[in-house]
Amino acid sequence: MQATGFGTPPTRGKRRPIGLIFTVGLLATTALLLVVKGGDIAVNYQIFATRFLSIFIEAAPFLLMGTLVSGLLEVFVSREDIVRAVPKNPVLATIGGAFLGFAFPVCECGVVPVTRRLFTKGLPTSVGVAFVLAAPVMNPIVLVSTYIAFRDYNDGLFLIIGRFVVTAVVAIVVGVVFALTSKPHEVLLPGSLAPVSGGAGAKLPAPRRPSLGAGLASALRFGVDEFFDMGRFLVIGTLLASLMQTFVGESTLRVLGEGPVLSVIIMQLLAFILSVCSTVDAFLALSFTGSFPAGSILSFLTFGPMIDIKSTLMFAGVFRRRAVAYLILLPFLLTLLVGVWTNLLLRS
């Protein structure tokens, strides 16, 4: 069986005009809100533009890397490969998905196109969910950056270990919930579904592989098209994140973030709004250590890479709306519980 979609770009079709209209409407709304905010309009626009560009320029290279990996997966990895590689046991398969980031070291911007391509290759839903939630943290790049940021901090070792343990546990729990409560067609959009599901243990014939030169050219074409397909969600998410940052300052959130529970919620909201790439967010989290307790910092380091404004909008291109809601709600509640428990434990 030949890898389906070899040399064929992803279909965008009817959703492109809708996305364009939505983006134009969002830009018009942004302009109106910046005027309504008052003060110096030019300064407001400058602040907004600076924040938009800083988020987009930080995220775009990782999205590009993710879409290029997606193109390589489309061309060189077949459905048969996925079927053979995934364990039959759904729990074991989900656990494996939480650690796939060490094989595909991508952040929250790049992980979504990679996951979508793996879904079309037959990756089980629970494995993909665990991967998309865990990979932004469970990869060697973030491991090194987190260690460098917190190695000299008093609770640094606790936060370094806790970040990876909590991320893995939350991703596995959410993945198992999806495995036990839903079927692929109930979770994924039609463009992300595959007729062959991994983990079946089926004996399939060896797939034909394209030549290296032709395969790389096809992967590049596919990756570029995938970049523009997922890029619209990145642009919309970046617009929303920069708009929120312009109207809701960090100082306001810091004033509200008092107490073992509220401080965790505020840090989760801050992580969602700031939408900082997981490869550098540890250094930002370090700047909050003097104002927020350790449990709140831990929630920031775990919830933010899983769910932020950018990734939420990109999820909408892969998952159904109800699934997106669960992908936000479950990690939020689980990291909230961990953060509050940590704050209370360290206070006692």
Foldseek 3Di string as FASTA:
>chain_A
DAQPQQLNAFDDPPCVVVLVVVLVVLVVVLLVVLVVVDDDSVVLVVLLVVLLCVLCVQQLVLQLLLLLVLLLCSAAPALVNQQQPAALDQLVSLLVLLQCLQVVQGFLNSLLSNLLSVQQSAEFPLSSQNNNQRNNCNYPLLLVQLCVQQVPPPCSVVLSVLLNVLSSVLSSVLSVCCVPPHHPPQWWDPSSHYPHHHSPNDDDDDYDHDDPVSSSVSSSVRSVSVSVSLVSLQSVLSSQLSSCCSVDPPVNLLVQLDDQQSVLVSLLQVLQSSLRISSNVSNVLSVCPVRGPPLSSSLNNRNNRRHHSSSLSSVVNITDPVNSVSSNVSSSVSSSVSSSVVVVVVVD
